[in-house]
Amino acid sequence: MKPGQIPADIDQIHIQFDSEALWMLNLTLGLVMFGIALDIRLSDFRQLIRVPKPLLVGIGSQFLLLPALTFGLVNFFDPLPSFALGMILVACCPGGNVSNFMTHLGGGNTALSISLTAFATLFAVLLTPLNLQFWGGLYEPSAALLQAVRIDILEMVQLVALLLGIPLMAGMAVRYWYPGPAAYLAKRFKYGSLLFFIGLIALALYNNRAVFWDYVGLVFIVVLIHNTIALGSGNLLARLFRLEPTAVKTITLETGIQNSGLGLLLIFTFFDGMGGMALIAAFWGIWHLVSGMLLAGYWAWKPRKKSTVIQDG
């Protein structure tokens, strides 16, 4: 295979992920959302209701702007159908929970980040399936895949609600009734389940290493461009609406850190692990950790650098 040449049969390749591993992925994703919810207080929601602008900008960035830009991107690059559908699916997912940690590290608004993750997760129950059907249906090659698979939108809504909505509500209930234990468990649940989730992705990559190795260069370029657009669009939209700097950082990360775990789960459940889609979602899940940490680390380092310069002066 020549560099940059894409074999058409990538759309026929299916990533192997057995039923036990899929069950563990379901459970882990639910625990991740439960861990996020243990950090959420009702007062966070009340504050956003009083000043809803950052919330509305953040939700709009994730569920309106990013899918629309992704649609433009796939039309521009004209990738293979499964690559295109994988990009659209990732763009239709809510923000990932690791964005909360990155926001805190980078000096963003952590309360806004957690609340945005919660709201986006609730909206994703309906918007992720509907956005996938809408934007995927507009792009003719991916529309053909959707028709071939014949996804039951109601079934997808029910699965997303089970994986995201119920753990979120349960975690918030524990936080409300048992704030002390919830605060103690929050980090352990969230980061422990996140590490386990990363391990599952690593296992899937290892078990399908021949497929991933063949396409790593190509998929990495696609994911790099897509993720850069996601981070940049979130940053630009927040600046256009004249949000404060901490909110700009938050919305940048919330838009660029997508819940690729949900994407992978939907791919394995509804698309039988379709190769191009799974490659995009898996590499996004790896790369957004790198790009998000680099960006948050830069923001954290920048104020210290300025302080050092002032002291030296």
C-alpha atoms as a PDB file:
ATOM      1  CA  MET A   1       0.000   0.000   0.000  1.00  0.00           C
ATOM      2  CA  LYS A   2       1.464   3.351  -1.071  1.00  0.00           C
ATOM      3  CA  PRO A   3       1.594   6.218   1.424  1.00  0.00           C
ATOM      4  CA  GLY A   4      -1.706   8.054   1.490  1.00  0.00           C
ATOM      5  CA  GLN A   5      -3.461   5.379  -0.605  1.00  0.00           C
ATOM      6  CA  ILE A   6      -6.692   4.186   1.014  1.00  0.00           C
ATOM      7  CA  PRO A   7      -7.877   0.703   0.154  1.00  0.00           C
ATOM      8  CA  ALA A   8     -11.595   0.638  -0.474  1.00  0.00           C
ATOM      9  CA  ASP A   9     -12.033  -2.553   1.550  1.00  0.00           C
ATOM     10  CA  ILE A  10     -11.413  -0.672   4.830  1.00  0.00           C
ATOM     11  CA  ASP A  11     -15.214  -0.227   4.939  1.00  0.00           C
ATOM     12  CA  GLN A  12     -15.581  -4.013   4.987  1.00  0.00           C
ATOM     13  CA  ILE A  13     -13.072  -4.533   7.830  1.00  0.00           C
ATOM     14  CA  HIS A  14     -14.650  -5.104  11.249  1.00  0.00           C
ATOM     15  CA  ILE A  15     -12.786  -4.578  14.494  1.00  0.00           C
ATOM     16  CA  GLN A  16     -12.980  -7.567  16.805  1.00  0.00           C
ATOM     17  CA  PHE A  17     -14.434  -6.772  20.236  1.00  0.00           C
ATOM     18  CA  ASP A  18     -16.077  -9.726  21.943  1.00  0.00           C
ATOM     19  CA  SER A  19     -19.321  -9.594  23.936  1.00  0.00           C
ATOM     20  CA  GLU A  20     -17.545  -9.714  27.309  1.00  0.00           C
ATOM     21  CA  ALA A  21     -15.334  -6.753  26.403  1.00  0.00           C
ATOM     22  CA  LEU A  22     -18.384  -4.873  25.102  1.00  0.00           C
ATOM     23  CA  TRP A  23     -20.232  -5.542  28.373  1.00  0.00           C
ATOM     24  CA  MET A  24     -17.219  -4.207  30.305  1.00  0.00           C
ATOM     25  CA  LEU A  25     -17.161  -1.130  28.072  1.00  0.00           C
ATOM     26  CA  ASN A  26     -20.840  -0.513  28.873  1.00  0.00           C
ATOM     27  CA  LEU A  27     -20.213  -0.866  32.589  1.00  0.00           C
ATOM     28  CA  THR A  28     -17.118   1.327  32.540  1.00  0.00           C
ATOM     29  CA  LEU A  29     -18.819   4.110  30.617  1.00  0.00           C
ATOM     30  CA  GLY A  30     -21.646   4.081  33.155  1.00  0.00           C
ATOM     31  CA  LEU A  31     -19.163   4.274  36.045  1.00  0.00           C
ATOM     32  CA  VAL A  32     -17.355   7.182  34.379  1.00  0.00           C
ATOM     33  CA  MET A  33     -20.630   9.111  34.160  1.00  0.00           C
ATOM     34  CA  PHE A  34     -21.518   8.180  37.753  1.00  0.00           C
ATOM     35  CA  GLY A  35     -18.125   9.531  38.849  1.00  0.00           C
ATOM     36  CA  ILE A  36     -18.738  12.800  37.018  1.00  0.00           C
ATOM     37  CA  ALA A  37     -22.164  13.171  38.634  1.00  0.00           C
ATOM     38  CA  LEU A  38     -20.696  12.796  42.131  1.00  0.00           C
ATOM     39  CA  ASP A  39     -19.017  16.170  41.508  1.00  0.00           C
ATOM     40  CA  ILE A  40     -22.208  17.949  40.441  1.00  0.00           C
ATOM     41  CA  ARG A  41     -24.184  20.109  42.854  1.00  0.00           C
ATOM     42  CA  LEU A  42     -27.615  21.576  42.244  1.00  0.00           C
ATOM     43  CA  SER A  43     -26.119  25.007  42.954  1.00  0.00           C
ATOM     44  CA  ASP A  44     -23.997  24.608  39.794  1.00  0.00           C
ATOM     45  CA  PHE A  45     -27.176  24.332  37.742  1.00  0.00           C
ATOM     46  CA  ARG A  46     -28.815  27.267  39.501  1.00  0.00           C
ATOM     47  CA  GLN A  47     -25.815  29.475  38.719  1.00  0.00           C
ATOM     48  CA  LEU A  48     -25.958  28.544  35.040  1.00  0.00           C
ATOM     49  CA  ILE A  49     -29.700  29.157  34.917  1.00  0.00           C
ATOM     50  CA  ARG A  50     -29.134  32.649  36.351  1.00  0.00           C
ATOM     51  CA  VAL A  51     -26.322  33.330  33.851  1.00  0.00           C
ATOM     52  CA  PRO A  52     -27.054  30.922  30.963  1.00  0.00           C
ATOM     53  CA  LYS A  53     -24.846  32.471  28.282  1.00  0.00           C
ATOM     54  CA  PRO A  54     -21.753  30.244  28.820  1.00  0.00           C
ATOM     55  CA  LEU A  55     -23.957  27.143  28.966  1.00  0.00           C
ATOM     56  CA  LEU A  56     -25.798  28.011  25.752  1.00  0.00           C
ATOM     57  CA  VAL A  57     -22.552  28.801  23.942  1.00  0.00           C
ATOM     58  CA  GLY A  58     -21.000  25.550  25.138  1.00  0.00           C
ATOM     59  CA  ILE A  59     -23.980  23.410  24.119  1.00  0.00           C
ATOM     60  CA  GLY A  60     -24.206  25.193  20.771  1.00  0.00           C
ATOM     61  CA  SER A  61     -20.510  24.657  20.156  1.00  0.00           C
ATOM     62  CA  GLN A  62     -20.772  20.918  20.824  1.00  0.00           C
ATOM     63  CA  PHE A  63     -24.067  19.989  19.191  1.00  0.00           C
ATOM     64  CA  LEU A  64     -24.489  22.606  16.431  1.00  0.00           C
ATOM     65  CA  LEU A  65     -21.157  24.086  15.384  1.00  0.00           C
ATOM     66  CA  LEU A  66     -18.880  21.028  15.569  1.00  0.00           C
ATOM     67  CA  PRO A  67     -21.200  18.647  13.638  1.00  0.00           C
ATOM     68  CA  ALA A  68     -21.736  21.339  10.986  1.00  0.00           C
ATOM     69  CA  LEU A  69     -17.988  21.949  10.621  1.00  0.00           C
ATOM     70  CA  THR A  70     -17.402  18.188  10.501  1.00  0.00           C
ATOM     71  CA  PHE A  71     -19.937  17.908   7.699  1.00  0.00           C
ATOM     72  CA  GLY A  72     -18.020  20.600   5.807  1.00  0.00           C
ATOM     73  CA  LEU A  73     -14.746  18.792   6.512  1.00  0.00           C
ATOM     74  CA  VAL A  74     -15.924  15.451   5.120  1.00  0.00           C
ATOM     75  CA  ASN A  75     -17.262  17.190   2.027  1.00  0.00           C
ATOM     76  CA  PHE A  76     -13.908  18.900   1.548  1.00  0.00           C
ATOM     77  CA  PHE A  77     -11.729  15.803   2.031  1.00  0.00           C
ATOM     78  CA  ASP A  78     -14.247  13.293   0.633  1.00  0.00           C
ATOM     79  CA  PRO A  79     -12.999  10.368   2.779  1.00  0.00           C
ATOM     80  CA  LEU A  80     -14.274   6.829   2.546  1.00  0.00           C
ATOM     81  CA  PRO A  81     -17.850   6.441   3.849  1.00  0.00           C
ATOM     82  CA  SER A  82     -16.924   4.707   7.119  1.00  0.00           C
ATOM     83  CA  PHE A  83     -14.254   7.334   7.887  1.00  0.00           C
ATOM     84  CA  ALA A  84     -16.780  10.090   7.214  1.00  0.00           C
ATOM     85  CA  LEU A  85     -19.448   8.457   9.373  1.00  0.00           C
ATOM     86  CA  GLY A  86     -16.914   7.906  12.176  1.00  0.00           C
ATOM     87  CA  MET A  87     -15.975  11.594  12.100  1.00  0.00           C
ATOM     88  CA  ILE A  88     -19.632  12.633  12.174  1.00  0.00           C
ATOM     89  CA  LEU A  89     -20.410  10.246  15.033  1.00  0.00           C
ATOM     90  CA  VAL A  90     -17.520  11.530  17.162  1.00  0.00           C
ATOM     91  CA  ALA A  91     -18.645  15.117  16.506  1.00  0.00           C
ATOM     92  CA  CYS A  92     -22.188  14.241  17.613  1.00  0.00           C
ATOM     93  CA  CYS A  93     -21.066  12.802  20.965  1.00  0.00           C
ATOM     94  CA  PRO A  94     -21.103  14.930  24.142  1.00  0.00           C
ATOM     95  CA  GLY A  95     -17.937  16.178  25.824  1.00  0.00           C
ATOM     96  CA  GLY A  96     -15.700  13.665  27.559  1.00  0.00           C
ATOM     97  CA  ASN A  97     -15.289  13.597  31.329  1.00  0.00           C
ATOM     98  CA  VAL A  98     -11.507  14.089  31.220  1.00  0.00           C
ATOM     99  CA  SER A  99     -12.207  17.654  30.070  1.00  0.00           C
ATOM    100  CA  ASN A 100     -13.097  18.471  33.702  1.00  0.00           C
ATOM    101  CA  PHE A 101      -9.598  17.571  34.871  1.00  0.00           C
ATOM    102  CA  MET A 102      -7.978  19.404  31.955  1.00  0.00           C
ATOM    103  CA  THR A 103     -10.077  22.509  32.595  1.00  0.00           C
ATOM    104  CA  HIS A 104      -8.950  22.543  36.224  1.00  0.00           C
ATOM    105  CA  LEU A 105      -5.319  22.085  35.188  1.00  0.00           C
ATOM    106  CA  GLY A 106      -5.487  24.860  32.595  1.00  0.00           C
ATOM    107  CA  GLY A 107      -7.110  27.420  34.885  1.00  0.00           C
ATOM    108  CA  GLY A 108     -10.569  27.278  33.335  1.00  0.00           C
ATOM    109  CA  ASN A 109     -13.957  27.358  35.041  1.00  0.00           C
ATOM    110  CA  THR A 110     -14.183  23.871  36.566  1.00  0.00           C
ATOM    111  CA  ALA A 111     -17.781  24.293  37.777  1.00  0.00           C
ATOM    112  CA  LEU A 112     -18.819  25.341  34.265  1.00  0.00           C
ATOM    113  CA  SER A 113     -16.941  22.372  32.797  1.00  0.00           C
ATOM    114  CA  ILE A 114     -18.642  19.852  35.074  1.00  0.00           C
ATOM    115  CA  SER A 115     -22.052  21.421  34.493  1.00  0.00           C
ATOM    116  CA  LEU A 116     -21.516  21.524  30.730  1.00  0.00           C
ATOM    117  CA  THR A 117     -20.564  17.844  30.789  1.00  0.00           C
ATOM    118  CA  ALA A 118     -23.759  17.105  32.721  1.00  0.00           C
ATOM    119  CA  PHE A 119     -26.044  19.151  30.464  1.00  0.00           C
ATOM    120  CA  ALA A 120     -24.370  17.886  27.297  1.00  0.00           C
ATOM    121  CA  THR A 121     -24.765  14.314  28.529  1.00  0.00           C
ATOM    122  CA  LEU A 122     -28.473  14.805  29.130  1.00  0.00           C
ATOM    123  CA  PHE A 123     -28.960  16.477  25.746  1.00  0.00           C
ATOM    124  CA  ALA A 124     -26.920  13.726  24.079  1.00  0.00           C
ATOM    125  CA  VAL A 125     -29.629  11.193  24.900  1.00  0.00           C
ATOM    126  CA  LEU A 126     -31.645  12.709  22.043  1.00  0.00           C
ATOM    127  CA  LEU A 127     -29.185  14.881  20.127  1.00  0.00           C
ATOM    128  CA  THR A 128     -26.440  12.301  19.493  1.00  0.00           C
ATOM    129  CA  PRO A 129     -28.725   9.838  17.640  1.00  0.00           C
ATOM    130  CA  LEU A 130     -30.631  12.628  15.865  1.00  0.00           C
ATOM    131  CA  ASN A 131     -27.469  14.510  14.859  1.00  0.00           C
ATOM    132  CA  LEU A 132     -25.891  11.308  13.554  1.00  0.00           C
ATOM    133  CA  GLN A 133     -28.967  10.556  11.474  1.00  0.00           C
ATOM    134  CA  PHE A 134     -29.235  14.154  10.197  1.00  0.00           C
ATOM    135  CA  TRP A 135     -25.611  14.934   9.321  1.00  0.00           C
ATOM    136  CA  GLY A 136     -24.762  11.377   8.294  1.00  0.00           C
ATOM    137  CA  GLY A 137     -27.832  11.370   6.069  1.00  0.00           C
ATOM    138  CA  LEU A 138     -26.831  14.632   4.368  1.00  0.00           C
ATOM    139  CA  TYR A 139     -23.503  13.189   3.180  1.00  0.00           C
ATOM    140  CA  GLU A 140     -24.450  10.744   0.425  1.00  0.00           C
ATOM    141  CA  PRO A 141     -21.725   8.074   0.979  1.00  0.00           C
ATOM    142  CA  SER A 142     -22.391   7.875   4.729  1.00  0.00           C
ATOM    143  CA  ALA A 143     -26.142   8.007   4.118  1.00  0.00           C
ATOM    144  CA  ALA A 144     -25.797   4.776   2.149  1.00  0.00           C
ATOM    145  CA  LEU A 145     -24.076   3.164   5.160  1.00  0.00           C
ATOM    146  CA  LEU A 146     -26.839   4.322   7.501  1.00  0.00           C
ATOM    147  CA  GLN A 147     -29.454   2.849   5.191  1.00  0.00           C
ATOM    148  CA  ALA A 148     -27.546  -0.424   4.961  1.00  0.00           C
ATOM    149  CA  VAL A 149     -27.262  -0.702   8.746  1.00  0.00           C
ATOM    150  CA  ARG A 150     -30.846   0.518   9.307  1.00  0.00           C
ATOM    151  CA  ILE A 151     -30.341   1.973  12.772  1.00  0.00           C
ATOM    152  CA  ASP A 152     -33.360   2.098  15.041  1.00  0.00           C
ATOM    153  CA  ILE A 153     -33.147   5.661  16.427  1.00  0.00           C
ATOM    154  CA  LEU A 154     -35.394   4.804  19.386  1.00  0.00           C
ATOM    155  CA  GLU A 155     -33.132   1.875  20.292  1.00  0.00           C
ATOM    156  CA  MET A 156     -30.069   4.136  20.151  1.00  0.00           C
ATOM    157  CA  VAL A 157     -31.818   6.753  22.313  1.00  0.00           C
ATOM    158  CA  GLN A 158     -32.647   4.069  24.871  1.00  0.00           C
ATOM    159  CA  LEU A 159     -29.038   2.821  24.945  1.00  0.00           C
ATOM    160  CA  VAL A 160     -27.590   6.318  25.348  1.00  0.00           C
ATOM    161  CA  ALA A 161     -30.106   7.068  28.110  1.00  0.00           C
ATOM    162  CA  LEU A 162     -29.151   3.848  29.886  1.00  0.00           C
ATOM    163  CA  LEU A 163     -25.412   4.498  29.628  1.00  0.00           C
ATOM    164  CA  LEU A 164     -25.376   8.243  30.291  1.00  0.00           C
ATOM    165  CA  GLY A 165     -28.647   9.506  31.733  1.00  0.00           C
ATOM    166  CA  ILE A 166     -29.282   6.950  34.481  1.00  0.00           C
ATOM    167  CA  PRO A 167     -25.709   6.982  35.937  1.00  0.00           C
ATOM    168  CA  LEU A 168     -25.767  10.794  35.839  1.00  0.00           C
ATOM    169  CA  MET A 169     -29.028  10.990  37.773  1.00  0.00           C
ATOM    170  CA  ALA A 170     -27.864   8.331  40.241  1.00  0.00           C
ATOM    171  CA  GLY A 171     -24.587  10.134  40.913  1.00  0.00           C
ATOM    172  CA  MET A 172     -26.352  13.447  41.457  1.00  0.00           C
ATOM    173  CA  ALA A 173     -28.769  11.789  43.873  1.00  0.00           C
ATOM    174  CA  VAL A 174     -25.871  10.364  45.893  1.00  0.00           C
ATOM    175  CA  ARG A 175     -24.204  13.794  45.910  1.00  0.00           C
ATOM    176  CA  TYR A 176     -27.412  15.425  47.138  1.00  0.00           C
ATOM    177  CA  TRP A 177     -28.217  12.925  49.894  1.00  0.00           C
ATOM    178  CA  TYR A 178     -24.674  11.960  50.929  1.00  0.00           C
ATOM    179  CA  PRO A 179     -22.373  14.895  50.061  1.00  0.00           C
ATOM    180  CA  GLY A 180     -19.494  13.737  52.274  1.00  0.00           C
ATOM    181  CA  PRO A 181     -19.080  10.204  50.895  1.00  0.00           C
ATOM    182  CA  ALA A 182     -19.806  11.511  47.379  1.00  0.00           C
ATOM    183  CA  ALA A 183     -16.928  13.990  47.552  1.00  0.00           C
ATOM    184  CA  TYR A 184     -14.619  11.217  48.790  1.00  0.00           C
ATOM    185  CA  LEU A 185     -15.670   8.782  46.058  1.00  0.00           C
ATOM    186  CA  ALA A 186     -15.801  11.275  43.179  1.00  0.00           C
ATOM    187  CA  LYS A 187     -12.152  11.262  42.114  1.00  0.00           C
ATOM    188  CA  ARG A 188     -11.681   7.563  42.781  1.00  0.00           C
ATOM    189  CA  PHE A 189     -14.684   6.597  40.672  1.00  0.00           C
ATOM    190  CA  LYS A 190     -13.977   9.033  37.871  1.00  0.00           C
ATOM    191  CA  TYR A 191     -10.260   8.493  37.391  1.00  0.00           C
ATOM    192  CA  GLY A 192     -10.251   4.805  38.296  1.00  0.00           C
ATOM    193  CA  SER A 193     -12.942   4.026  35.725  1.00  0.00           C
ATOM    194  CA  LEU A 194     -11.220   6.302  33.198  1.00  0.00           C
ATOM    195  CA  LEU A 195      -7.970   4.352  33.544  1.00  0.00           C
ATOM    196  CA  PHE A 196      -9.898   1.111  33.147  1.00  0.00           C
ATOM    197  CA  PHE A 197     -11.588   2.511  30.048  1.00  0.00           C
ATOM    198  CA  ILE A 198      -8.219   3.468  28.547  1.00  0.00           C
ATOM    199  CA  GLY A 199      -7.085  -0.080  29.252  1.00  0.00           C
ATOM    200  CA  LEU A 200     -10.058  -1.471  27.311  1.00  0.00           C
ATOM    201  CA  ILE A 201      -9.216   0.721  24.320  1.00  0.00           C
ATOM    202  CA  ALA A 202      -5.593  -0.406  24.543  1.00  0.00           C
ATOM    203  CA  LEU A 203      -6.784  -4.038  24.579  1.00  0.00           C
ATOM    204  CA  ALA A 204      -8.928  -3.442  21.490  1.00  0.00           C
ATOM    205  CA  LEU A 205      -5.964  -1.814  19.748  1.00  0.00           C
ATOM    206  CA  TYR A 206      -3.697  -4.714  20.682  1.00  0.00           C
ATOM    207  CA  ASN A 207      -6.144  -7.403  19.576  1.00  0.00           C
ATOM    208  CA  ASN A 208      -6.537  -5.639  16.222  1.00  0.00           C
ATOM    209  CA  ARG A 209      -2.977  -4.352  15.934  1.00  0.00           C
ATOM    210  CA  ALA A 210      -2.508  -5.530  12.342  1.00  0.00           C
ATOM    211  CA  VAL A 211      -5.452  -3.409  11.170  1.00  0.00           C
ATOM    212  CA  PHE A 212      -4.473  -0.383  13.251  1.00  0.00           C
ATOM    213  CA  TRP A 213      -0.842  -0.552  12.145  1.00  0.00           C
ATOM    214  CA  ASP A 214      -1.848  -0.507   8.475  1.00  0.00           C
ATOM    215  CA  TYR A 215      -3.903   2.681   8.841  1.00  0.00           C
ATOM    216  CA  VAL A 216      -2.278   4.538  11.747  1.00  0.00           C
ATOM    217  CA  GLY A 217      -0.660   7.216   9.588  1.00  0.00           C
ATOM    218  CA  LEU A 218      -3.769   8.028   7.614  1.00  0.00           C
ATOM    219  CA  VAL A 219      -6.172   7.973  10.555  1.00  0.00           C
ATOM    220  CA  PHE A 220      -3.832  10.056  12.702  1.00  0.00           C
ATOM    221  CA  ILE A 221      -3.785  12.857  10.121  1.00  0.00           C
ATOM    222  CA  VAL A 222      -7.581  12.850   9.846  1.00  0.00           C
ATOM    223  CA  VAL A 223      -8.050  12.873  13.634  1.00  0.00           C
ATOM    224  CA  LEU A 224      -5.370  15.548  14.127  1.00  0.00           C
ATOM    225  CA  ILE A 225      -7.083  17.928  11.686  1.00  0.00           C
ATOM    226  CA  HIS A 226     -10.547  17.157  13.022  1.00  0.00           C
ATOM    227  CA  ASN A 227      -9.556  17.614  16.672  1.00  0.00           C
ATOM    228  CA  THR A 228      -7.702  20.862  15.910  1.00  0.00           C
ATOM    229  CA  ILE A 229     -10.829  22.223  14.246  1.00  0.00           C
ATOM    230  CA  ALA A 230     -12.909  21.177  17.261  1.00  0.00           C
ATOM    231  CA  LEU A 231     -10.624  22.946  19.749  1.00  0.00           C
ATOM    232  CA  GLY A 232     -10.259  26.008  17.530  1.00  0.00           C
ATOM    233  CA  SER A 233     -13.981  26.363  16.825  1.00  0.00           C
ATOM    234  CA  GLY A 234     -14.872  26.160  20.523  1.00  0.00           C
ATOM    235  CA  ASN A 235     -12.271  28.796  21.345  1.00  0.00           C
ATOM    236  CA  LEU A 236     -13.382  31.125  18.544  1.00  0.00           C
ATOM    237  CA  LEU A 237     -17.096  30.834  19.339  1.00  0.00           C
ATOM    238  CA  ALA A 238     -16.525  31.588  23.037  1.00  0.00           C
ATOM    239  CA  ARG A 239     -14.439  34.641  22.099  1.00  0.00           C
ATOM    240  CA  LEU A 240     -17.063  35.858  19.620  1.00  0.00           C
ATOM    241  CA  PHE A 241     -19.622  35.814  22.432  1.00  0.00           C
ATOM    242  CA  ARG A 242     -17.174  37.758  24.638  1.00  0.00           C
ATOM    243  CA  LEU A 243     -17.054  35.223  27.446  1.00  0.00           C
ATOM    244  CA  GLU A 244     -14.536  35.628  30.227  1.00  0.00           C
ATOM    245  CA  PRO A 245     -11.119  33.950  29.705  1.00  0.00           C
ATOM    246  CA  THR A 246     -11.828  31.050  32.082  1.00  0.00           C
ATOM    247  CA  ALA A 247     -15.055  30.257  30.221  1.00  0.00           C
ATOM    248  CA  VAL A 248     -13.218  30.457  26.878  1.00  0.00           C
ATOM    249  CA  LYS A 249     -10.758  27.814  28.079  1.00  0.00           C
ATOM    250  CA  THR A 250     -13.598  25.636  29.337  1.00  0.00           C
ATOM    251  CA  ILE A 251     -15.621  25.698  26.122  1.00  0.00           C
ATOM    252  CA  THR A 252     -12.482  25.121  24.055  1.00  0.00           C
ATOM    253  CA  LEU A 253     -11.786  21.892  25.937  1.00  0.00           C
ATOM    254  CA  GLU A 254     -15.428  20.816  26.167  1.00  0.00           C
ATOM    255  CA  THR A 255     -15.694  21.053  22.375  1.00  0.00           C
ATOM    256  CA  GLY A 256     -12.362  19.365  21.647  1.00  0.00           C
ATOM    257  CA  ILE A 257     -12.614  16.538  24.198  1.00  0.00           C
ATOM    258  CA  GLN A 258     -15.396  14.288  22.925  1.00  0.00           C
ATOM    259  CA  ASN A 259     -16.842  11.185  24.556  1.00  0.00           C
ATOM    260  CA  SER A 260     -15.213   8.823  22.059  1.00  0.00           C
ATOM    261  CA  GLY A 261     -15.985   5.946  24.437  1.00  0.00           C
ATOM    262  CA  LEU A 262     -19.677   6.442  23.713  1.00  0.00           C
ATOM    263  CA  GLY A 263     -18.819   6.608  20.029  1.00  0.00           C
ATOM    264  CA  LEU A 264     -16.952   3.297  20.179  1.00  0.00           C
ATOM    265  CA  LEU A 265     -19.771   1.655  22.072  1.00  0.00           C
ATOM    266  CA  LEU A 266     -22.318   2.765  19.469  1.00  0.00           C
ATOM    267  CA  ILE A 267     -20.011   1.557  16.691  1.00  0.00           C
ATOM    268  CA  PHE A 268     -19.638  -1.904  18.231  1.00  0.00           C
ATOM    269  CA  THR A 269     -23.340  -2.114  19.068  1.00  0.00           C
ATOM    270  CA  PHE A 270     -24.991  -0.742  15.921  1.00  0.00           C
ATOM    271  CA  PHE A 271     -22.284  -0.941  13.217  1.00  0.00           C
ATOM    272  CA  ASP A 272     -20.672  -4.288  14.101  1.00  0.00           C
ATOM    273  CA  GLY A 273     -17.283  -2.642  14.734  1.00  0.00           C
ATOM    274  CA  MET A 274     -17.039  -1.182  11.210  1.00  0.00           C
ATOM    275  CA  GLY A 275     -13.329  -0.648  10.548  1.00  0.00           C
ATOM    276  CA  GLY A 276     -13.150   2.988   9.430  1.00  0.00           C
ATOM    277  CA  MET A 277     -15.544   4.203  12.117  1.00  0.00           C
ATOM    278  CA  ALA A 278     -13.797   2.288  14.910  1.00  0.00           C
ATOM    279  CA  LEU A 279     -10.359   3.512  13.791  1.00  0.00           C
ATOM    280  CA  ILE A 280     -11.481   7.148  13.872  1.00  0.00           C
ATOM    281  CA  ALA A 281     -13.140   6.848  17.297  1.00  0.00           C
ATOM    282  CA  ALA A 282     -10.254   4.879  18.842  1.00  0.00           C
ATOM    283  CA  PHE A 283      -7.554   7.240  17.630  1.00  0.00           C
ATOM    284  CA  TRP A 284      -9.645  10.249  18.646  1.00  0.00           C
ATOM    285  CA  GLY A 285      -9.881   8.718  22.131  1.00  0.00           C
ATOM    286  CA  ILE A 286      -6.080   8.604  22.283  1.00  0.00           C
ATOM    287  CA  TRP A 287      -5.231  11.876  20.563  1.00  0.00           C
ATOM    288  CA  HIS A 288      -7.679  14.138  22.409  1.00  0.00           C
ATOM    289  CA  LEU A 289      -5.975  13.136  25.677  1.00  0.00           C
ATOM    290  CA  VAL A 290      -2.655  14.307  24.213  1.00  0.00           C
ATOM    291  CA  SER A 291      -3.940  17.527  22.628  1.00  0.00           C
ATOM    292  CA  GLY A 292      -6.058  18.435  25.658  1.00  0.00           C
ATOM    293  CA  MET A 293      -3.198  17.894  28.096  1.00  0.00           C
ATOM    294  CA  LEU A 294      -0.798  19.883  25.907  1.00  0.00           C
ATOM    295  CA  LEU A 295      -3.222  22.794  25.694  1.00  0.00           C
ATOM    296  CA  ALA A 296      -4.115  22.713  29.406  1.00  0.00           C
ATOM    297  CA  GLY A 297      -0.429  22.406  30.294  1.00  0.00           C
ATOM    298  CA  TYR A 298       0.386  25.431  28.145  1.00  0.00           C
ATOM    299  CA  TRP A 299      -2.316  27.498  29.824  1.00  0.00           C
ATOM    300  CA  ALA A 300      -1.064  26.398  33.245  1.00  0.00           C
ATOM    301  CA  TRP A 301       2.557  27.210  32.333  1.00  0.00           C
ATOM    302  CA  LYS A 302       1.834  30.581  30.712  1.00  0.00           C
ATOM    303  CA  PRO A 303       0.804  32.465  33.908  1.00  0.00           C
ATOM    304  CA  ARG A 304       3.815  31.061  35.790  1.00  0.00           C
ATOM    305  CA  LYS A 305       6.088  32.202  32.989  1.00  0.00           C
ATOM    306  CA  LYS A 306       4.670  35.733  33.134  1.00  0.00           C
ATOM    307  CA  SER A 307       5.072  35.776  36.924  1.00  0.00           C
ATOM    308  CA  THR A 308       8.721  34.707  36.607  1.00  0.00           C
ATOM    309  CA  VAL A 309       9.420  37.433  34.058  1.00  0.00           C
ATOM    310  CA  ILE A 310       7.896  40.076  36.345  1.00  0.00           C
ATOM    311  CA  GLN A 311       9.924  38.875  39.324  1.00  0.00           C
ATOM    312  CA  ASP A 312      13.126  38.823  37.268  1.00  0.00           C
ATOM    313  CA  GLY A 313      12.419  42.327  36.057  1.00  0.00           C
END
